[in-house]
């Protein structure tokens, strides 16, 4: 997420905030060679859907339906979630 920050003595500057969850999703997509990139808007759009697996499956059905000719949505969602979780846990372990 980007936001502007300014004070009276300094001009506005862009501050990039990293979201570990979002970064882990995008790293999982890269690891699985999926040409996706999620941003905060995508996460907000999916937020009302129950589980993470259901959110990923819903995204697949809405935005990547061509993949459903080759992959089962729930199986691919489970694989993405598994890789994303492993990446996020690794990042947390390195920061401790």
C-alpha atoms as a PDB file:
ATOM      1  CA  UNK A   1       0.000   0.000   0.000  1.00  0.00           C
ATOM      2  CA  UNK A   2       1.240   3.464  -0.766  1.00  0.00           C
ATOM      3  CA  UNK A   3       0.359   6.602   1.115  1.00  0.00           C
ATOM      4  CA  UNK A   4       1.619  10.118   1.141  1.00  0.00           C
ATOM      5  CA  UNK A   5       3.183  11.629   4.215  1.00  0.00           C
ATOM      6  CA  UNK A   6       3.974  15.295   4.594  1.00  0.00           C
ATOM      7  CA  UNK A   7       4.919  17.657   7.373  1.00  0.00           C
ATOM      8  CA  UNK A   8       5.213  21.411   7.374  1.00  0.00           C
ATOM      9  CA  UNK A   9       8.971  21.221   6.928  1.00  0.00           C
ATOM     10  CA  UNK A  10       9.210  18.368   4.422  1.00  0.00           C
ATOM     11  CA  UNK A  11       7.514  17.779   1.102  1.00  0.00           C
ATOM     12  CA  UNK A  12       5.154  14.854   0.587  1.00  0.00           C
ATOM     13  CA  UNK A  13       6.912  11.555   0.061  1.00  0.00           C
ATOM     14  CA  UNK A  14       5.619   8.156  -0.843  1.00  0.00           C
ATOM     15  CA  UNK A  15       5.841   5.515   1.853  1.00  0.00           C
ATOM     16  CA  UNK A  16       5.432   1.932   0.739  1.00  0.00           C
ATOM     17  CA  UNK A  17       3.989  -0.293   3.427  1.00  0.00           C
ATOM     18  CA  UNK A  18       4.585  -3.992   3.067  1.00  0.00           C
ATOM     19  CA  UNK A  19       1.774  -6.365   3.887  1.00  0.00           C
ATOM     20  CA  UNK A  20       3.274  -9.759   4.770  1.00  0.00           C
ATOM     21  CA  UNK A  21       0.035 -11.563   3.878  1.00  0.00           C
ATOM     22  CA  UNK A  22      -0.190  -9.922   0.469  1.00  0.00           C
ATOM     23  CA  UNK A  23       3.520 -10.430  -0.166  1.00  0.00           C
ATOM     24  CA  UNK A  24       3.126 -14.129   0.686  1.00  0.00           C
ATOM     25  CA  UNK A  25       0.223 -14.530  -1.735  1.00  0.00           C
ATOM     26  CA  UNK A  26       2.212 -12.929  -4.548  1.00  0.00           C
ATOM     27  CA  UNK A  27       5.305 -14.993  -3.724  1.00  0.00           C
ATOM     28  CA  UNK A  28       3.160 -18.145  -3.818  1.00  0.00           C
ATOM     29  CA  UNK A  29       1.781 -17.175  -7.224  1.00  0.00           C
ATOM     30  CA  UNK A  30       5.348 -16.652  -8.455  1.00  0.00           C
ATOM     31  CA  UNK A  31       6.515 -19.961  -6.961  1.00  0.00           C
ATOM     32  CA  UNK A  32       3.698 -21.763  -8.766  1.00  0.00           C
ATOM     33  CA  UNK A  33       4.429 -19.849 -11.988  1.00  0.00           C
ATOM     34  CA  UNK A  34       1.018 -18.183 -12.023  1.00  0.00           C
ATOM     35  CA  UNK A  35       0.922 -14.826 -13.773  1.00  0.00           C
ATOM     36  CA  UNK A  36      -1.106 -13.160 -11.036  1.00  0.00           C
ATOM     37  CA  UNK A  37      -0.412 -10.239  -8.785  1.00  0.00           C
ATOM     38  CA  UNK A  38      -2.821  -9.290  -6.042  1.00  0.00           C
ATOM     39  CA  UNK A  39      -3.045  -5.868  -4.468  1.00  0.00           C
ATOM     40  CA  UNK A  40      -5.009  -4.499  -1.526  1.00  0.00           C
ATOM     41  CA  UNK A  41      -8.063  -3.874  -3.724  1.00  0.00           C
ATOM     42  CA  UNK A  42      -8.239  -7.570  -4.643  1.00  0.00           C
ATOM     43  CA  UNK A  43      -7.963  -8.575  -0.986  1.00  0.00           C
ATOM     44  CA  UNK A  44     -10.744  -6.132  -0.065  1.00  0.00           C
ATOM     45  CA  UNK A  45     -12.974  -7.506  -2.835  1.00  0.00           C
ATOM     46  CA  UNK A  46     -12.477 -11.049  -1.556  1.00  0.00           C
ATOM     47  CA  UNK A  47     -12.693 -10.226   2.157  1.00  0.00           C
ATOM     48  CA  UNK A  48     -16.385 -11.082   2.457  1.00  0.00           C
ATOM     49  CA  UNK A  49     -15.837 -14.671   1.350  1.00  0.00           C
ATOM     50  CA  UNK A  50     -15.488 -17.233   4.168  1.00  0.00           C
ATOM     51  CA  UNK A  51     -12.152 -19.043   4.141  1.00  0.00           C
ATOM     52  CA  UNK A  52      -8.890 -18.268   2.370  1.00  0.00           C
ATOM     53  CA  UNK A  53      -9.361 -21.337   0.198  1.00  0.00           C
ATOM     54  CA  UNK A  54     -12.851 -20.146  -0.776  1.00  0.00           C
ATOM     55  CA  UNK A  55     -11.497 -16.661  -1.572  1.00  0.00           C
ATOM     56  CA  UNK A  56      -8.812 -18.099  -3.857  1.00  0.00           C
ATOM     57  CA  UNK A  57     -11.364 -20.387  -5.546  1.00  0.00           C
ATOM     58  CA  UNK A  58     -13.720 -17.441  -6.075  1.00  0.00           C
ATOM     59  CA  UNK A  59     -10.890 -15.422  -7.623  1.00  0.00           C
ATOM     60  CA  UNK A  60     -10.095 -18.315  -9.946  1.00  0.00           C
ATOM     61  CA  UNK A  61     -13.698 -18.621 -11.070  1.00  0.00           C
ATOM     62  CA  UNK A  62     -14.106 -14.881 -11.606  1.00  0.00           C
ATOM     63  CA  UNK A  63     -10.720 -13.878 -13.040  1.00  0.00           C
ATOM     64  CA  UNK A  64      -8.964 -17.014 -14.312  1.00  0.00           C
ATOM     65  CA  UNK A  65     -11.758 -19.281 -15.597  1.00  0.00           C
ATOM     66  CA  UNK A  66      -9.518 -20.651 -18.371  1.00  0.00           C
ATOM     67  CA  UNK A  67      -7.490 -22.435 -15.681  1.00  0.00           C
ATOM     68  CA  UNK A  68     -10.569 -24.388 -14.656  1.00  0.00           C
ATOM     69  CA  UNK A  69     -10.307 -26.347 -17.902  1.00  0.00           C
ATOM     70  CA  UNK A  70      -7.077 -27.832 -16.578  1.00  0.00           C
ATOM     71  CA  UNK A  71      -7.250 -27.495 -12.784  1.00  0.00           C
ATOM     72  CA  UNK A  72      -9.849 -28.152 -10.129  1.00  0.00           C
ATOM     73  CA  UNK A  73     -10.451 -24.776  -8.440  1.00  0.00           C
ATOM     74  CA  UNK A  74     -10.420 -26.173  -4.910  1.00  0.00           C
ATOM     75  CA  UNK A  75      -7.283 -28.262  -5.503  1.00  0.00           C
ATOM     76  CA  UNK A  76      -5.387 -25.322  -7.002  1.00  0.00           C
ATOM     77  CA  UNK A  77      -6.609 -23.044  -4.202  1.00  0.00           C
ATOM     78  CA  UNK A  78      -5.375 -25.560  -1.627  1.00  0.00           C
ATOM     79  CA  UNK A  79      -1.970 -25.730  -3.322  1.00  0.00           C
ATOM     80  CA  UNK A  80      -1.672 -21.923  -3.439  1.00  0.00           C
ATOM     81  CA  UNK A  81      -2.683 -21.676   0.210  1.00  0.00           C
ATOM     82  CA  UNK A  82      -0.148 -24.332   1.212  1.00  0.00           C
ATOM     83  CA  UNK A  83       2.704 -22.504  -0.538  1.00  0.00           C
ATOM     84  CA  UNK A  84       1.542 -19.111   0.762  1.00  0.00           C
ATOM     85  CA  UNK A  85       1.427 -20.444   4.341  1.00  0.00           C
ATOM     86  CA  UNK A  86       4.900 -21.963   4.044  1.00  0.00           C
ATOM     87  CA  UNK A  87       6.290 -18.666   2.694  1.00  0.00           C
ATOM     88  CA  UNK A  88       4.597 -16.618   5.424  1.00  0.00           C
ATOM     89  CA  UNK A  89       5.826 -18.950   8.178  1.00  0.00           C
ATOM     90  CA  UNK A  90       9.367 -18.798   6.769  1.00  0.00           C
ATOM     91  CA  UNK A  91       9.261 -15.003   6.721  1.00  0.00           C
ATOM     92  CA  UNK A  92       8.031 -14.901  10.311  1.00  0.00           C
ATOM     93  CA  UNK A  93      10.741 -17.337  11.445  1.00  0.00           C
ATOM     94  CA  UNK A  94      13.452 -15.208   9.809  1.00  0.00           C
ATOM     95  CA  UNK A  95      12.195 -12.057  11.497  1.00  0.00           C
ATOM     96  CA  UNK A  96      12.390 -13.580  14.986  1.00  0.00           C
END
